C-alpha atoms as a PDB file:
ATOM      1  CA  MET A   1    -153.567  52.880-103.454  1.00  0.00           C
ATOM      2  CA  SER A   2    -153.109  56.381-102.159  1.00  0.00           C
ATOM      3  CA  GLY A   3    -149.372  56.675-102.781  1.00  0.00           C
ATOM      4  CA  LYS A   4    -148.239  55.910 -99.235  1.00  0.00           C
ATOM      5  CA  LYS A   5    -145.222  53.664 -98.994  1.00  0.00           C
ATOM      6  CA  ILE A   6    -145.679  50.531 -96.972  1.00  0.00           C
ATOM      7  CA  TRP A   7    -142.719  49.196 -95.048  1.00  0.00           C
ATOM      8  CA  ARG A   8    -141.958  45.570 -95.633  1.00  0.00           C
ATOM      9  CA  ALA A   9    -139.423  43.366 -93.911  1.00  0.00           C
ATOM     10  CA  PRO A  10    -136.420  42.700 -96.121  1.00  0.00           C
ATOM     11  CA  CYS A  11    -136.353  39.385 -97.899  1.00  0.00           C
ATOM     12  CA  PHE A  12    -133.454  37.113 -97.145  1.00  0.00           C
ATOM     13  CA  GLY A  13    -132.992  34.987-100.186  1.00  0.00           C
ATOM     14  CA  SER A  14    -129.976  33.283-101.632  1.00  0.00           C
ATOM     15  CA  SER A  15    -128.245  36.510-102.601  1.00  0.00           C
ATOM     16  CA  SER A  16    -125.313  37.373-100.338  1.00  0.00           C
ATOM     17  CA  ALA A  17    -125.876  41.072-100.984  1.00  0.00           C
ATOM     18  CA  GLN A  18    -129.169  40.940 -99.102  1.00  0.00           C
ATOM     19  CA  SER A  19    -127.975  39.206 -95.923  1.00  0.00           C
ATOM     20  CA  PRO A  20    -126.034  41.269 -93.434  1.00  0.00           C
ATOM     21  CA  ALA A  21    -122.596  40.103 -92.429  1.00  0.00           C
ATOM     22  CA  HIS A  22    -122.684  38.820 -88.865  1.00  0.00           C
ATOM     23  CA  SER A  23    -119.525  39.339 -86.873  1.00  0.00           C
ATOM     24  CA  PRO A  24    -118.703  37.064 -83.965  1.00  0.00           C
ATOM     25  CA  PRO A  25    -119.765  38.382 -80.552  1.00  0.00           C
ATOM     26  CA  LEU A  26    -117.223  40.639 -78.911  1.00  0.00           C
ATOM     27  CA  PRO A  27    -115.525  39.306 -75.785  1.00  0.00           C
ATOM     28  CA  GLN A  28    -116.629  40.720 -72.446  1.00  0.00           C
ATOM     29  CA  LEU A  29    -114.419  43.480 -71.085  1.00  0.00           C
ATOM     30  CA  VAL A  30    -112.266  42.841 -68.013  1.00  0.00           C
ATOM     31  CA  ASP A  31    -110.387  45.178 -65.674  1.00  0.00           C
ATOM     32  CA  CYS A  32    -107.163  46.908 -66.676  1.00  0.00           C
ATOM     33  CA  PRO A  33    -104.253  44.839 -65.317  1.00  0.00           C
ATOM     34  CA  PHE A  34    -102.576  47.984 -63.961  1.00  0.00           C
ATOM     35  CA  CYS A  35    -105.339  50.400 -62.946  1.00  0.00           C
ATOM     36  CA  ARG A  36    -107.864  47.769 -61.838  1.00  0.00           C
ATOM     37  CA  ILE A  37    -110.775  49.576 -63.504  1.00  0.00           C
ATOM     38  CA  GLY A  38    -112.952  48.286 -66.320  1.00  0.00           C
ATOM     39  CA  LEU A  39    -111.576  48.509 -69.839  1.00  0.00           C
ATOM     40  CA  VAL A  40    -113.723  50.290 -72.435  1.00  0.00           C
ATOM     41  CA  ARG A  41    -114.381  49.610 -76.099  1.00  0.00           C
ATOM     42  CA  ILE A  42    -113.902  52.475 -78.562  1.00  0.00           C
ATOM     43  CA  VAL A  43    -114.317  52.836 -82.320  1.00  0.00           C
ATOM     44  CA  SER A  44    -111.519  54.628 -84.147  1.00  0.00           C
ATOM     45  CA  LYS A  45    -112.150  57.848 -86.034  1.00  0.00           C
ATOM     46  CA  GLN A  46    -108.564  58.131 -87.263  1.00  0.00           C
ATOM     47  CA  PRO A  47    -108.136  57.888 -91.055  1.00  0.00           C
ATOM     48  CA  LYS A  48    -105.749  54.914 -90.886  1.00  0.00           C
ATOM     49  CA  SER A  49    -108.003  52.797 -88.679  1.00  0.00           C
ATOM     50  CA  TYR A  50    -111.446  54.350 -89.200  1.00  0.00           C
ATOM     51  CA  GLY A  51    -114.272  52.171 -87.901  1.00  0.00           C
ATOM     52  CA  GLN A  52    -112.014  49.606 -86.223  1.00  0.00           C
ATOM     53  CA  SER A  53    -112.828  48.610 -82.661  1.00  0.00           C
ATOM     54  CA  PHE A  54    -110.226  48.957 -79.908  1.00  0.00           C
ATOM     55  CA  VAL A  55    -110.116  48.181 -76.194  1.00  0.00           C
ATOM     56  CA  LYS A  56    -108.419  50.647 -73.859  1.00  0.00           C
ATOM     57  CA  CYS A  57    -108.070  51.674 -70.259  1.00  0.00           C
ATOM     58  CA  PRO A  58    -110.099  54.813 -69.402  1.00  0.00           C
ATOM     59  CA  ASN A  59    -106.885  56.193 -67.869  1.00  0.00           C
ATOM     60  CA  ASN A  60    -105.141  56.033 -71.259  1.00  0.00           C
ATOM     61  CA  ILE A  61    -104.873  59.515 -72.738  1.00  0.00           C
ATOM     62  CA  LYS A  62    -103.545  59.844 -76.261  1.00  0.00           C
ATOM     63  CA  ASP A  63     -99.983  61.199 -76.518  1.00  0.00           C
ATOM     64  CA  ASP A  64     -99.584  61.383 -72.724  1.00  0.00           C
ATOM     65  CA  PRO A  65     -96.834  58.986 -71.623  1.00  0.00           C
ATOM     66  CA  THR A  66     -97.665  59.512 -67.949  1.00  0.00           C
ATOM     67  CA  THR A  67    -101.047  57.769 -68.270  1.00  0.00           C
ATOM     68  CA  CYS A  68    -101.859  54.070 -68.518  1.00  0.00           C
ATOM     69  CA  GLY A  69    -100.532  52.538 -71.733  1.00  0.00           C
ATOM     70  CA  ILE A  70    -103.223  49.921 -72.273  1.00  0.00           C
ATOM     71  CA  ILE A  71    -104.843  50.220 -75.693  1.00  0.00           C
ATOM     72  CA  MET A  72    -105.207  47.282 -78.064  1.00  0.00           C
ATOM     73  CA  SER A  73    -107.107  46.111 -81.091  1.00  0.00           C
ATOM     74  CA  GLU A  74    -109.870  43.538 -80.691  1.00  0.00           C
ATOM     75  CA  ALA A  75    -107.474  40.836 -81.979  1.00  0.00           C
ATOM     76  CA  GLN A  76    -104.819  41.820 -79.436  1.00  0.00           C
ATOM     77  CA  TYR A  77    -107.481  41.851 -76.723  1.00  0.00           C
ATOM     78  CA  ALA A  78    -108.663  38.360 -77.665  1.00  0.00           C
ATOM     79  CA  ALA A  79    -105.038  37.152 -77.506  1.00  0.00           C
ATOM     80  CA  TYR A  80    -104.597  38.888 -74.141  1.00  0.00           C
ATOM     81  CA  LEU A  81    -107.694  37.116 -72.775  1.00  0.00           C
ATOM     82  CA  CYS A  82    -106.201  33.761 -73.778  1.00  0.00           C
ATOM     83  CA  ASN A  83    -103.025  34.535 -71.816  1.00  0.00           C
ATOM     84  CA  PRO A  84    -103.562  37.534 -69.503  1.00  0.00           C
ATOM     85  CA  GLY A  85    -100.141  37.194 -67.858  1.00  0.00           C
ATOM     86  CA  GLU A  86     -98.282  38.110 -71.027  1.00  0.00           C
ATOM     87  CA  LEU A  87     -98.498  41.771 -71.912  1.00  0.00           C
ATOM     88  CA  PRO A  88     -96.398  43.280 -74.666  1.00  0.00           C
ATOM     89  CA  ALA A  89     -93.236  44.942 -73.345  1.00  0.00           C
ATOM     90  CA  ARG A  90     -94.263  48.317 -74.789  1.00  0.00           C
ATOM     91  CA  TRP A  91     -97.215  48.463 -72.367  1.00  0.00           C
ATOM     92  CA  LYS A  92     -95.072  47.570 -69.364  1.00  0.00           C
ATOM     93  CA  LYS A  93     -92.577  50.349 -70.167  1.00  0.00           C
ATOM     94  CA  VAL A  94     -95.253  53.002 -70.614  1.00  0.00           C
ATOM     95  CA  ILE A  95     -96.910  52.458 -67.253  1.00  0.00           C
ATOM     96  CA  PRO A  96     -95.455  55.028 -64.853  1.00  0.00           C
ATOM     97  CA  PRO A  97     -94.582  53.964 -61.330  1.00  0.00           C
ATOM     98  CA  ILE A  98     -97.476  54.780 -59.046  1.00  0.00           C
ATOM     99  CA  CYS A  99     -97.119  56.027 -55.468  1.00  0.00           C
ATOM    100  CA  GLY A 100     -93.358  56.278 -55.465  1.00  0.00           C
ATOM    101  CA  GLY A 101     -92.887  52.933 -57.188  1.00  0.00           C
ATOM    102  CA  HIS A 102     -94.878  50.814 -54.725  1.00  0.00           C
ATOM    103  CA  GLY A 103     -97.355  49.532 -57.302  1.00  0.00           C
ATOM    104  CA  GLY A 104    -101.066  50.119 -57.584  1.00  0.00           C
ATOM    105  CA  GLY A 105    -102.534  47.917 -54.873  1.00  0.00           C
ATOM    106  CA  SER A 106    -100.063  47.953 -51.988  1.00  0.00           C
ATOM    107  CA  ASP A 107    -100.925  49.196 -48.517  1.00  0.00           C
ATOM    108  CA  ASP A 108     -98.002  51.643 -48.711  1.00  0.00           C
ATOM    109  CA  CYS A 109     -99.546  53.220 -51.794  1.00  0.00           C
ATOM    110  CA  ILE A 110    -102.927  53.559 -50.123  1.00  0.00           C
ATOM    111  CA  LEU A 111    -101.317  55.102 -47.041  1.00  0.00           C
ATOM    112  CA  GLU A 112     -99.329  57.514 -49.213  1.00  0.00           C
ATOM    113  CA  MET A 113    -102.466  58.521 -51.120  1.00  0.00           C
ATOM    114  CA  LYS A 114    -104.367  59.095 -47.852  1.00  0.00           C
ATOM    115  CA  GLN A 115    -101.535  61.317 -46.629  1.00  0.00           C
ATOM    116  CA  GLU A 116    -101.648  63.299 -49.875  1.00  0.00           C
ATOM    117  CA  VAL A 117    -105.425  63.709 -49.533  1.00  0.00           C
ATOM    118  CA  ASP A 118    -105.021  64.876 -45.924  1.00  0.00           C
ATOM    119  CA  ALA A 119    -102.360  67.398 -47.004  1.00  0.00           C
ATOM    120  CA  LEU A 120    -104.685  68.682 -49.734  1.00  0.00           C
ATOM    121  CA  LYS A 121    -107.517  68.993 -47.207  1.00  0.00           C
ATOM    122  CA  LEU A 122    -105.273  71.115 -44.979  1.00  0.00           C
ATOM    123  CA  LYS A 123    -104.352  73.356 -47.920  1.00  0.00           C
ATOM    124  CA  ILE A 124    -108.010  73.757 -48.854  1.00  0.00           C
ATOM    125  CA  ASP A 125    -108.907  74.577 -45.244  1.00  0.00           C
ATOM    126  CA  SER A 126    -106.200  77.256 -45.084  1.00  0.00           C
ATOM    127  CA  VAL A 127    -107.424  78.780 -48.356  1.00  0.00           C
ATOM    128  CA  VAL A 128    -111.018  78.775 -47.070  1.00  0.00           C
ATOM    129  CA  ASP A 129    -109.843  80.440 -43.841  1.00  0.00           C
ATOM    130  CA  GLY A 130    -108.030  83.096 -45.891  1.00  0.00           C
ATOM    131  CA  LEU A 131    -111.142  83.717 -47.962  1.00  0.00           C
ATOM    132  CA  TRP A 132    -113.251  84.003 -44.820  1.00  0.00           C
ATOM    133  CA  ASP A 133    -110.831  86.579 -43.383  1.00  0.00           C
ATOM    134  CA  MET A 134    -111.049  88.576 -46.618  1.00  0.00           C
ATOM    135  CA  LYS A 135    -114.842  88.425 -46.524  1.00  0.00           C
ATOM    136  CA  VAL A 136    -114.870  89.754 -42.958  1.00  0.00           C
ATOM    137  CA  GLN A 137    -112.522  92.592 -43.976  1.00  0.00           C
ATOM    138  CA  VAL A 138    -114.714  93.496 -46.957  1.00  0.00           C
ATOM    139  CA  GLN A 139    -117.814  93.575 -44.741  1.00  0.00           C
ATOM    140  CA  ARG A 140    -116.013  95.794 -42.220  1.00  0.00           C
ATOM    141  CA  LEU A 141    -114.881  98.167 -44.986  1.00  0.00           C
ATOM    142  CA  LYS A 142    -118.424  98.303 -46.373  1.00  0.00           C
ATOM    143  CA  SER A 143    -119.857  99.232 -42.985  1.00  0.00           C
ATOM    144  CA  GLU A 144    -117.116 101.835 -42.474  1.00  0.00           C
ATOM    145  CA  SER A 145    -117.827 103.354 -45.880  1.00  0.00           C
ATOM    146  CA  VAL A 146    -121.543 103.546 -45.057  1.00  0.00           C
ATOM    147  CA  VAL A 147    -120.731 105.342 -41.792  1.00  0.00           C
ATOM    148  CA  ILE A 148    -118.403 107.760 -43.597  1.00  0.00           C
ATOM    149  CA  ALA A 149    -121.024 108.470 -46.258  1.00  0.00           C
ATOM    150  CA  THR A 150    -123.685 109.042 -43.602  1.00  0.00           C
ATOM    151  CA  VAL A 151    -121.438 111.454 -41.695  1.00  0.00           C
ATOM    152  CA  CYS A 152    -120.658 113.353 -44.908  1.00  0.00           C
ATOM    153  CA  VAL A 153    -124.354 113.685 -45.734  1.00  0.00           C
ATOM    154  CA  GLY A 154    -125.046 114.851 -42.167  1.00  0.00           C
ATOM    155  CA  VAL A 155    -122.284 117.474 -42.323  1.00  0.00           C
ATOM    156  CA  ALA A 156    -123.552 118.687 -45.696  1.00  0.00           C
ATOM    157  CA  LEU A 157    -127.101 119.006 -44.343  1.00  0.00           C
ATOM    158  CA  CYS A 158    -125.838 120.889 -41.290  1.00  0.00           C
ATOM    159  CA  CYS A 159    -123.940 123.306 -43.545  1.00  0.00           C
ATOM    160  CA  ILE A 160    -127.028 123.888 -45.681  1.00  0.00           C
ATOM    161  CA  VAL A 161    -129.290 124.402 -42.653  1.00  0.00           C
ATOM    162  CA  SER A 162    -126.806 126.811 -41.035  1.00  0.00           C
ATOM    163  CA  LYS A 163    -126.580 128.806 -44.282  1.00  0.00           C
ATOM    164  CA  ILE A 164    -130.364 129.004 -44.470  1.00  0.00           C
ATOM    165  CA  TRP A 165    -130.587 130.197 -40.849  1.00  0.00           C
ATOM    166  CA  SER A 166    -127.836 132.734 -41.352  1.00  0.00           C
ATOM    167  CA  LEU A 167    -129.708 134.121 -44.370  1.00  0.00           C
ATOM    168  CA  GLU A 168    -132.941 134.337 -42.381  1.00  0.00           C
ATOM    169  CA  VAL A 169    -131.235 136.129 -39.517  1.00  0.00           C
ATOM    170  CA  VAL A 170    -129.722 138.689 -41.894  1.00  0.00           C
ATOM    171  CA  ASN A 171    -133.068 139.368 -43.524  1.00  0.00           C
END
């Protein structure tokens, strides 16, 4: 043969070293019980738990106690799926009260959030109005500076022309 290597499918014989270890299928992800958004699966890169799979809420930010506290190992997640009503107390304590303590899905919370959004819209509108006023002022100053520069050039030309005429009259 010409020295090219030919790929061959691996042989699966009786040796356990040749057969890959098959892990059981991972359970399907459900919504976070607090945030009502889909949980995500992550793989740890920390030295203590490197390569281990975890399930967490996307709103969970490491070392931030004001975010959702849901993060669990695959084993904890499987146990949670068997009895979703029972969450460890440490998760319940970490979850901050949302919308003034109303809870995530209440109509009061939605109304409060809409009011906050409306207030933010008003602030943004006032900032945009302020920027527009500044833009108008800048344009006015630019046009004034052009007029001033034009007048200065005109005066300078008049001075030069009058000097030239006065020299011609003297000669």
